[in-house]
C-alpha atoms as a PDB file:
ATOM      1  CA  MET A   1     -11.693  -3.732 -14.322  1.00  0.00           C
ATOM      2  CA  SER A   2     -14.161  -2.786 -11.423  1.00  0.00           C
ATOM      3  CA  SER A   3     -16.303   0.220 -10.873  1.00  0.00           C
ATOM      4  CA  LEU A   4     -13.935   1.467  -8.141  1.00  0.00           C
ATOM      5  CA  ASN A   5     -10.778   0.754 -10.654  1.00  0.00           C
ATOM      6  CA  LYS A   6     -12.686   3.044 -13.007  1.00  0.00           C
ATOM      7  CA  MET A   7     -13.202   6.045 -11.100  1.00  0.00           C
ATOM      8  CA  LEU A   8     -10.117   5.702  -9.840  1.00  0.00           C
ATOM      9  CA  SER A   9      -8.465   5.409 -12.897  1.00  0.00           C
ATOM     10  CA  LEU A  10      -8.938   8.827 -13.567  1.00  0.00           C
ATOM     11  CA  LEU A  11      -6.443   9.853 -11.741  1.00  0.00           C
ATOM     12  CA  GLU A  12      -3.452   8.577 -13.663  1.00  0.00           C
ATOM     13  CA  PHE A  13      -4.763  11.151 -16.263  1.00  0.00           C
ATOM     14  CA  PHE A  14      -3.252  14.088 -14.504  1.00  0.00           C
ATOM     15  CA  SER A  15       0.532  14.973 -14.638  1.00  0.00           C
ATOM     16  CA  ILE A  16       2.781  17.707 -14.770  1.00  0.00           C
ATOM     17  CA  GLU A  17       2.492  18.474 -18.583  1.00  0.00           C
ATOM     18  CA  ARG A  18      -1.337  17.745 -18.332  1.00  0.00           C
ATOM     19  CA  PRO A  19      -2.331  18.906 -14.623  1.00  0.00           C
ATOM     20  CA  VAL A  20      -5.605  20.219 -15.885  1.00  0.00           C
ATOM     21  CA  TRP A  21      -8.291  18.191 -17.996  1.00  0.00           C
ATOM     22  CA  THR A  22     -11.938  19.250 -19.243  1.00  0.00           C
ATOM     23  CA  SER A  23     -15.139  16.501 -18.222  1.00  0.00           C
ATOM     24  CA  ASP A  24     -14.970  16.134 -22.534  1.00  0.00           C
ATOM     25  CA  GLU A  25     -11.508  15.186 -22.490  1.00  0.00           C
ATOM     26  CA  LEU A  26     -11.883  12.908 -19.529  1.00  0.00           C
ATOM     27  CA  LEU A  27     -14.574  11.351 -21.043  1.00  0.00           C
ATOM     28  CA  ALA A  28     -12.959  11.026 -24.210  1.00  0.00           C
ATOM     29  CA  ARG A  29     -10.088   9.773 -22.727  1.00  0.00           C
ATOM     30  CA  SER A  30     -11.288   7.340 -20.121  1.00  0.00           C
ATOM     31  CA  GLY A  31     -14.567   6.087 -22.645  1.00  0.00           C
ATOM     32  CA  LEU A  32     -16.962   6.310 -20.310  1.00  0.00           C
ATOM     33  CA  SER A  33     -20.416   7.482 -20.734  1.00  0.00           C
ATOM     34  CA  ARG A  34     -21.457  11.093 -19.730  1.00  0.00           C
ATOM     35  CA  PRO A  35     -23.665  10.229 -16.821  1.00  0.00           C
ATOM     36  CA  THR A  36     -20.962   7.432 -15.298  1.00  0.00           C
ATOM     37  CA  GLY A  37     -18.048   9.752 -15.823  1.00  0.00           C
ATOM     38  CA  TYR A  38     -20.095  12.975 -13.746  1.00  0.00           C
ATOM     39  CA  ARG A  39     -21.033  10.447 -11.324  1.00  0.00           C
ATOM     40  CA  TYR A  40     -17.271   9.726 -10.843  1.00  0.00           C
ATOM     41  CA  PHE A  41     -16.647  13.617 -11.174  1.00  0.00           C
ATOM     42  CA  LYS A  42     -18.339  14.369  -7.986  1.00  0.00           C
ATOM     43  CA  GLU A  43     -17.493  11.171  -6.014  1.00  0.00           C
ATOM     44  CA  LEU A  44     -13.726  12.528  -6.824  1.00  0.00           C
ATOM     45  CA  CYS A  45     -14.860  15.723  -5.948  1.00  0.00           C
ATOM     46  CA  ASP A  46     -16.328  14.847  -2.834  1.00  0.00           C
ATOM     47  CA  SER A  47     -13.907  12.862  -1.588  1.00  0.00           C
ATOM     48  CA  GLY A  48     -11.190  15.292  -2.066  1.00  0.00           C
ATOM     49  CA  LEU A  49      -8.974  13.426  -4.684  1.00  0.00           C
ATOM     50  CA  LEU A  50     -10.105  15.825  -7.415  1.00  0.00           C
ATOM     51  CA  ARG A  51     -11.194  19.439  -7.459  1.00  0.00           C
ATOM     52  CA  ARG A  52     -13.267  21.850 -10.063  1.00  0.00           C
ATOM     53  CA  ALA A  53     -10.886  24.027 -11.713  1.00  0.00           C
ATOM     54  CA  GLU A  54     -11.680  27.200 -13.880  1.00  0.00           C
ATOM     55  CA  ASN A  55     -11.183  24.929 -16.927  1.00  0.00           C
ATOM     56  CA  GLY A  56     -12.037  21.966 -15.299  1.00  0.00           C
ATOM     57  CA  TYR A  57     -10.605  19.424 -12.904  1.00  0.00           C
ATOM     58  CA  SER A  58      -7.455  18.816 -11.285  1.00  0.00           C
ATOM     59  CA  LEU A  59      -6.077  16.924  -8.363  1.00  0.00           C
ATOM     60  CA  GLY A  60      -7.666  17.931  -4.939  1.00  0.00           C
ATOM     61  CA  PRO A  61      -6.104  18.597  -1.981  1.00  0.00           C
ATOM     62  CA  ARG A  62      -6.994  15.339   0.008  1.00  0.00           C
ATOM     63  CA  ILE A  63      -4.116  13.785  -1.866  1.00  0.00           C
ATOM     64  CA  ILE A  64      -1.838  16.482  -0.125  1.00  0.00           C
ATOM     65  CA  GLU A  65      -3.289  15.354   3.428  1.00  0.00           C
ATOM     66  CA  MET A  66      -2.710  11.549   2.821  1.00  0.00           C
ATOM     67  CA  ASP A  67       0.811  12.508   1.667  1.00  0.00           C
ATOM     68  CA  TYR A  68       0.867  14.370   5.496  1.00  0.00           C
ATOM     69  CA  TYR A  69       0.068  11.123   6.957  1.00  0.00           C
ATOM     70  CA  ILE A  70       2.014   8.919   5.260  1.00  0.00           C
ATOM     71  CA  GLN A  71       5.112  11.455   6.326  1.00  0.00           C
ATOM     72  CA  GLN A  72       3.951  11.236   9.794  1.00  0.00           C
ATOM     73  CA  SER A  73       3.772   7.561  10.065  1.00  0.00           C
ATOM     74  CA  ASP A  74       4.735   5.538   7.821  1.00  0.00           C
ATOM     75  CA  ARG A  75       7.812   3.468   9.609  1.00  0.00           C
ATOM     76  CA  LEU A  76       9.992   3.080   6.822  1.00  0.00           C
ATOM     77  CA  LEU A  77      10.096   6.587   6.379  1.00  0.00           C
ATOM     78  CA  MET A  78      10.725   7.007   9.852  1.00  0.00           C
ATOM     79  CA  ALA A  79      13.316   4.415  10.166  1.00  0.00           C
ATOM     80  CA  CYS A  80      15.373   5.780   6.711  1.00  0.00           C
ATOM     81  CA  ARG A  81      15.287   9.522   7.395  1.00  0.00           C
ATOM     82  CA  PRO A  82      17.989  10.053  10.126  1.00  0.00           C
ATOM     83  CA  VAL A  83      20.276   7.814   8.453  1.00  0.00           C
ATOM     84  CA  MET A  84      19.908   8.941   5.174  1.00  0.00           C
ATOM     85  CA  SER A  85      20.528  12.579   6.436  1.00  0.00           C
ATOM     86  CA  GLN A  86      23.791  11.115   7.818  1.00  0.00           C
ATOM     87  CA  ILE A  87      24.941  10.152   4.902  1.00  0.00           C
ATOM     88  CA  ALA A  88      24.237  12.900   2.541  1.00  0.00           C
ATOM     89  CA  GLN A  89      26.020  14.784   5.188  1.00  0.00           C
ATOM     90  CA  GLU A  90      28.822  12.880   5.111  1.00  0.00           C
ATOM     91  CA  THR A  91      28.659  11.892   1.475  1.00  0.00           C
ATOM     92  CA  THR A  92      27.351  15.159   0.155  1.00  0.00           C
ATOM     93  CA  CYS A  93      25.718  13.291  -2.235  1.00  0.00           C
ATOM     94  CA  ASN A  94      22.310  13.104  -2.855  1.00  0.00           C
ATOM     95  CA  VAL A  95      20.039  10.332  -0.991  1.00  0.00           C
ATOM     96  CA  LEU A  96      16.976   8.760  -1.929  1.00  0.00           C
ATOM     97  CA  LEU A  97      15.052   6.013  -0.614  1.00  0.00           C
ATOM     98  CA  ALA A  98      12.722   4.007  -3.702  1.00  0.00           C
ATOM     99  CA  THR A  99      10.346   1.573  -3.675  1.00  0.00           C
ATOM    100  CA  ILE A 100       7.616  -0.130  -5.876  1.00  0.00           C
ATOM    101  CA  TYR A 101       4.270  -0.684  -6.240  1.00  0.00           C
ATOM    102  CA  GLY A 102       2.475  -2.157  -9.418  1.00  0.00           C
ATOM    103  CA  ALA A 103       4.742  -1.506 -12.347  1.00  0.00           C
ATOM    104  CA  SER A 104       6.163   1.588 -11.084  1.00  0.00           C
ATOM    105  CA  ILE A 105       9.229   2.850  -8.888  1.00  0.00           C
ATOM    106  CA  LEU A 106       9.428   6.047  -7.529  1.00  0.00           C
ATOM    107  CA  ALA A 107      11.128   7.356  -4.322  1.00  0.00           C
ATOM    108  CA  ILE A 108       9.780   8.052  -1.202  1.00  0.00           C
ATOM    109  CA  HIS A 109      11.833  10.152   0.675  1.00  0.00           C
ATOM    110  CA  GLN A 110      15.086  12.075  -0.694  1.00  0.00           C
ATOM    111  CA  GLU A 111      18.385  14.074   1.584  1.00  0.00           C
ATOM    112  CA  ILE A 112      19.686  16.444  -0.459  1.00  0.00           C
ATOM    113  CA  GLY A 113      23.935  16.428  -0.575  1.00  0.00           C
ATOM    114  CA  ALA A 114      25.784  19.847  -0.261  1.00  0.00           C
ATOM    115  CA  LYS A 115      27.811  19.076  -3.594  1.00  0.00           C
ATOM    116  CA  SER A 116      25.921  17.256  -6.053  1.00  0.00           C
ATOM    117  CA  GLY A 117      23.152  18.611  -8.486  1.00  0.00           C
ATOM    118  CA  PRO A 118      19.475  18.312  -8.920  1.00  0.00           C
ATOM    119  CA  LEU A 119      17.477  15.773  -9.060  1.00  0.00           C
ATOM    120  CA  ALA A 120      15.958  14.208 -12.624  1.00  0.00           C
ATOM    121  CA  PHE A 121      14.358  11.556 -10.828  1.00  0.00           C
ATOM    122  CA  GLY A 122      13.168  13.062  -6.978  1.00  0.00           C
ATOM    123  CA  ARG A 123      10.864  12.167  -4.775  1.00  0.00           C
ATOM    124  CA  GLY A 124       7.406  11.075  -6.627  1.00  0.00           C
ATOM    125  CA  ARG A 125       8.397  11.246  -9.782  1.00  0.00           C
ATOM    126  CA  PRO A 126       8.686   7.650 -11.368  1.00  0.00           C
ATOM    127  CA  MET A 127      11.236   5.991 -12.403  1.00  0.00           C
ATOM    128  CA  PRO A 128      11.951   4.068 -15.559  1.00  0.00           C
ATOM    129  CA  LEU A 129      11.550  -0.165 -14.914  1.00  0.00           C
ATOM    130  CA  PHE A 130      14.664  -1.071 -16.027  1.00  0.00           C
ATOM    131  CA  ARG A 131      17.096   1.692 -15.924  1.00  0.00           C
ATOM    132  CA  GLY A 132      19.517   2.840 -13.343  1.00  0.00           C
ATOM    133  CA  GLY A 133      20.670   1.512 -10.308  1.00  0.00           C
ATOM    134  CA  GLY A 134      17.604   1.775  -7.632  1.00  0.00           C
ATOM    135  CA  SER A 135      14.760   0.280 -10.210  1.00  0.00           C
ATOM    136  CA  LYS A 136      17.959  -2.679 -11.447  1.00  0.00           C
ATOM    137  CA  VAL A 137      18.376  -3.311  -7.433  1.00  0.00           C
ATOM    138  CA  ILE A 138      14.361  -3.572  -6.512  1.00  0.00           C
ATOM    139  CA  ILE A 139      13.650  -5.308  -9.375  1.00  0.00           C
ATOM    140  CA  ALA A 140      16.406  -7.908  -8.928  1.00  0.00           C
ATOM    141  CA  SER A 141      15.176  -8.500  -5.392  1.00  0.00           C
ATOM    142  CA  LEU A 142      11.842  -9.725  -6.818  1.00  0.00           C
ATOM    143  CA  SER A 143      10.832 -13.302  -7.037  1.00  0.00           C
ATOM    144  CA  LEU A 144      11.127 -15.169 -10.109  1.00  0.00           C
ATOM    145  CA  ALA A 145       7.120 -15.634 -11.011  1.00  0.00           C
ATOM    146  CA  ARG A 146       7.236 -11.629 -10.646  1.00  0.00           C
ATOM    147  CA  HIS A 147      10.603 -11.643 -13.310  1.00  0.00           C
ATOM    148  CA  ARG A 148       9.060 -13.615 -15.458  1.00  0.00           C
ATOM    149  CA  ARG A 149       5.782 -11.595 -15.403  1.00  0.00           C
ATOM    150  CA  LEU A 150       7.837  -8.938 -16.240  1.00  0.00           C
ATOM    151  CA  TYR A 151       9.600 -10.191 -18.816  1.00  0.00           C
ATOM    152  CA  GLU A 152       6.307 -11.296 -20.494  1.00  0.00           C
ATOM    153  CA  ASP A 153       5.271  -7.580 -20.605  1.00  0.00           C
ATOM    154  CA  HIS A 154       8.273  -5.827 -21.124  1.00  0.00           C
ATOM    155  CA  ALA A 155      10.975  -7.977 -23.326  1.00  0.00           C
ATOM    156  CA  ALA A 156      12.073  -4.849 -25.230  1.00  0.00           C
ATOM    157  CA  ASP A 157      12.364  -2.733 -22.768  1.00  0.00           C
ATOM    158  CA  ILE A 158      14.140  -5.116 -21.030  1.00  0.00           C
ATOM    159  CA  ALA A 159      16.584  -5.664 -23.875  1.00  0.00           C
ATOM    160  CA  ALA A 160      16.954  -2.178 -24.728  1.00  0.00           C
ATOM    161  CA  ALA A 161      18.517  -1.532 -21.367  1.00  0.00           C
ATOM    162  CA  GLY A 162      21.244  -4.090 -21.903  1.00  0.00           C
ATOM    163  CA  LEU A 163      19.579  -6.718 -19.345  1.00  0.00           C
ATOM    164  CA  GLY A 164      18.837  -9.351 -21.618  1.00  0.00           C
ATOM    165  CA  GLY A 165      17.740 -11.001 -24.535  1.00  0.00           C
ATOM    166  CA  ASN A 166      15.506 -13.614 -24.006  1.00  0.00           C
ATOM    167  CA  PHE A 167      14.274 -14.568 -20.044  1.00  0.00           C
ATOM    168  CA  LYS A 168      17.233 -16.829 -19.437  1.00  0.00           C
ATOM    169  CA  GLU A 169      19.519 -13.945 -19.676  1.00  0.00           C
ATOM    170  CA  PHE A 170      17.507 -10.948 -17.732  1.00  0.00           C
ATOM    171  CA  ARG A 171      16.755 -13.654 -14.946  1.00  0.00           C
ATOM    172  CA  ALA A 172      20.837 -14.694 -14.990  1.00  0.00           C
ATOM    173  CA  ARG A 173      21.360 -10.774 -14.688  1.00  0.00           C
ATOM    174  CA  MET A 174      18.762 -10.382 -12.018  1.00  0.00           C
ATOM    175  CA  VAL A 175      20.666 -13.448  -9.841  1.00  0.00           C
ATOM    176  CA  GLN A 176      23.746 -11.549 -10.334  1.00  0.00           C
ATOM    177  CA  ILE A 177      22.955  -8.348  -9.080  1.00  0.00           C
ATOM    178  CA  GLN A 178      21.490 -10.142  -6.033  1.00  0.00           C
ATOM    179  CA  ARG A 179      24.574 -11.518  -5.622  1.00  0.00           C
ATOM    180  CA  ASP A 180      26.410  -8.491  -6.190  1.00  0.00           C
ATOM    181  CA  GLY A 181      24.123  -6.273  -3.606  1.00  0.00           C
ATOM    182  CA  TYR A 182      24.430  -3.039  -5.552  1.00  0.00           C
ATOM    183  CA  VAL A 183      24.479  -1.897  -8.891  1.00  0.00           C
ATOM    184  CA  VAL A 184      26.450   1.268 -10.005  1.00  0.00           C
ATOM    185  CA  SER A 185      24.968   3.380 -12.609  1.00  0.00           C
ATOM    186  CA  VAL A 186      26.349   6.691 -14.718  1.00  0.00           C
ATOM    187  CA  GLY A 187      24.551   8.871 -16.472  1.00  0.00           C
ATOM    188  CA  GLU A 188      21.265   6.480 -17.321  1.00  0.00           C
ATOM    189  CA  LEU A 189      19.043   8.882 -16.231  1.00  0.00           C
ATOM    190  CA  ASP A 190      20.753  11.403 -16.082  1.00  0.00           C
ATOM    191  CA  PRO A 191      23.472  12.143 -18.434  1.00  0.00           C
ATOM    192  CA  ASP A 192      25.665  14.384 -15.625  1.00  0.00           C
ATOM    193  CA  ALA A 193      24.842  12.207 -12.930  1.00  0.00           C
ATOM    194  CA  ALA A 194      26.396   8.761 -11.550  1.00  0.00           C
ATOM    195  CA  GLY A 195      25.837   7.347  -8.509  1.00  0.00           C
ATOM    196  CA  ALA A 196      25.105   3.628  -6.927  1.00  0.00           C
ATOM    197  CA  ALA A 197      22.054   1.492  -4.919  1.00  0.00           C
ATOM    198  CA  VAL A 198      21.991  -0.896  -2.734  1.00  0.00           C
ATOM    199  CA  PRO A 199      18.895  -3.611  -1.297  1.00  0.00           C
ATOM    200  CA  VAL A 200      17.222  -2.259   1.559  1.00  0.00           C
ATOM    201  CA  SER A 201      14.965  -5.004   3.498  1.00  0.00           C
ATOM    202  CA  SER A 202      11.951  -3.526   4.711  1.00  0.00           C
ATOM    203  CA  GLY A 203      10.871  -5.832   7.476  1.00  0.00           C
ATOM    204  CA  THR A 204       7.344  -7.117   7.398  1.00  0.00           C
ATOM    205  CA  LEU A 205       6.524  -5.014   4.217  1.00  0.00           C
ATOM    206  CA  ILE A 206       6.039  -7.158   1.279  1.00  0.00           C
ATOM    207  CA  GLU A 207       7.731  -5.057  -1.632  1.00  0.00           C
ATOM    208  CA  PRO A 208      11.671  -4.363  -1.633  1.00  0.00           C
ATOM    209  CA  SER A 209      12.983  -0.861  -1.783  1.00  0.00           C
ATOM    210  CA  ALA A 210      16.724   0.198  -2.187  1.00  0.00           C
ATOM    211  CA  MET A 211      19.096   3.528  -1.229  1.00  0.00           C
ATOM    212  CA  ILE A 212      20.516   5.358  -4.036  1.00  0.00           C
ATOM    213  CA  ILE A 213      23.071   7.998  -3.972  1.00  0.00           C
ATOM    214  CA  VAL A 214      23.372  10.393  -6.838  1.00  0.00           C
ATOM    215  CA  THR A 215      25.852  13.167  -7.360  1.00  0.00           C
ATOM    216  CA  THR A 216      27.255  15.026 -10.006  1.00  0.00           C
ATOM    217  CA  ARG A 217      29.375  12.386 -12.519  1.00  0.00           C
ATOM    218  CA  PRO A 218      32.764  14.423 -11.678  1.00  0.00           C
ATOM    219  CA  HIS A 219      32.122  13.892  -7.823  1.00  0.00           C
ATOM    220  CA  PHE A 220      31.167  10.435  -8.487  1.00  0.00           C
ATOM    221  CA  ALA A 221      34.512   9.960 -10.169  1.00  0.00           C
ATOM    222  CA  LEU A 222      36.289  11.309  -7.135  1.00  0.00           C
ATOM    223  CA  ILE A 223      34.808   8.626  -4.809  1.00  0.00           C
ATOM    224  CA  ASP A 224      36.405   5.645  -3.485  1.00  0.00           C
ATOM    225  CA  LYS A 225      33.416   3.398  -4.620  1.00  0.00           C
ATOM    226  CA  PRO A 226      34.059   0.344  -2.530  1.00  0.00           C
ATOM    227  CA  LEU A 227      34.069   2.372   0.713  1.00  0.00           C
ATOM    228  CA  LEU A 228      30.620   4.207  -0.448  1.00  0.00           C
ATOM    229  CA  ILE A 229      29.317   0.769  -1.460  1.00  0.00           C
ATOM    230  CA  GLU A 230      30.201  -0.958   1.877  1.00  0.00           C
ATOM    231  CA  ARG A 231      28.502   2.517   4.204  1.00  0.00           C
ATOM    232  CA  MET A 232      25.776   2.312   1.728  1.00  0.00           C
ATOM    233  CA  HIS A 233      25.079  -1.212   3.194  1.00  0.00           C
ATOM    234  CA  ASN A 234      26.005  -0.378   6.733  1.00  0.00           C
ATOM    235  CA  ALA A 235      23.627   2.353   6.361  1.00  0.00           C
ATOM    236  CA  ALA A 236      20.683  -0.162   5.127  1.00  0.00           C
ATOM    237  CA  ARG A 237      21.201  -2.555   8.114  1.00  0.00           C
ATOM    238  CA  GLN A 238      20.347   0.023  10.241  1.00  0.00           C
ATOM    239  CA  ILE A 239      17.335   0.777   8.515  1.00  0.00           C
ATOM    240  CA  GLU A 240      16.583  -2.540   8.716  1.00  0.00           C
ATOM    241  CA  ILE A 241      17.493  -2.662  12.457  1.00  0.00           C
ATOM    242  CA  ALA A 242      15.027   0.126  13.228  1.00  0.00           C
ATOM    243  CA  LEU A 243      12.237  -1.422  11.505  1.00  0.00           C
ATOM    244  CA  ILE A 244      12.773  -4.999  13.624  1.00  0.00           C
ATOM    245  CA  GLN A 245      12.629  -2.778  16.771  1.00  0.00           C
ATOM    246  CA  ALA A 246       9.719  -0.750  15.569  1.00  0.00           C
ATOM    247  CA  ASP A 247       8.022  -4.236  14.980  1.00  0.00           C
ATOM    248  CA  GLN A 248       8.612  -5.108  18.556  1.00  0.00           C
ATOM    249  CA  PRO A 249       6.183  -5.022  21.156  1.00  0.00           C
ATOM    250  CA  GLN A 250       6.740  -2.111  23.338  1.00  0.00           C
ATOM    251  CA  ALA A 251       7.343  -2.921  27.076  1.00  0.00           C
ATOM    252  CA  THR A 252       4.323  -1.483  29.530  1.00  0.00           C
ATOM    253  CA  GLY A 253       6.598  -0.806  32.487  1.00  0.00           C
ATOM    254  CA  PHE A 254       4.586  -2.556  34.977  1.00  0.00           C
END
């Protein structure tokens, strides 16, 4: 691991459960020497990624600033917002857009439906890799090589999620999800919630995404599932078309 990676890995210790860490706790958890650790703390504070708190360190305001830039300029978010807002209004369900980075899947945008309960895994909270419709759709969209690496690293989790007791079974399940083009999930992430997910092609972006609809189980039971899946696929195509148009050079007017 490079020095930069070691320094940035300190940010991974912060969570809702542990928003503040003392310098001694960070040093003990990371295994860094005191001189190196304090140098990293200073650099992270100077950059705004950490800030000094009364009892130690917490995440810094630069992260909020960077999130603002993403919200205002990310082409995927700009393409999905109007489409997702319309679906949330039409279905009264919560609508999320999730993507993958490394070995984490999380929602990067959400629209709240009028008749849906709170989200257990809303924007910014990492989702389980192999449970829930969104995660399964995204994982299924990955390459054979990445499926193999995931299975090597997470065989027990994959088996526990019912996705296969060996690599052949896991791969077959992923291919089937690709062919189906959707996943319906009931009570996997929240016992009181249910929903569906479809893949979203991110155009020139490398990593796949998924559109997820989530609502209460009683509400979901009343929804026409085939009609909902068709509506979600149409919405995914709208987003994909908007991304393609955003990638095309703009006319100069000369």
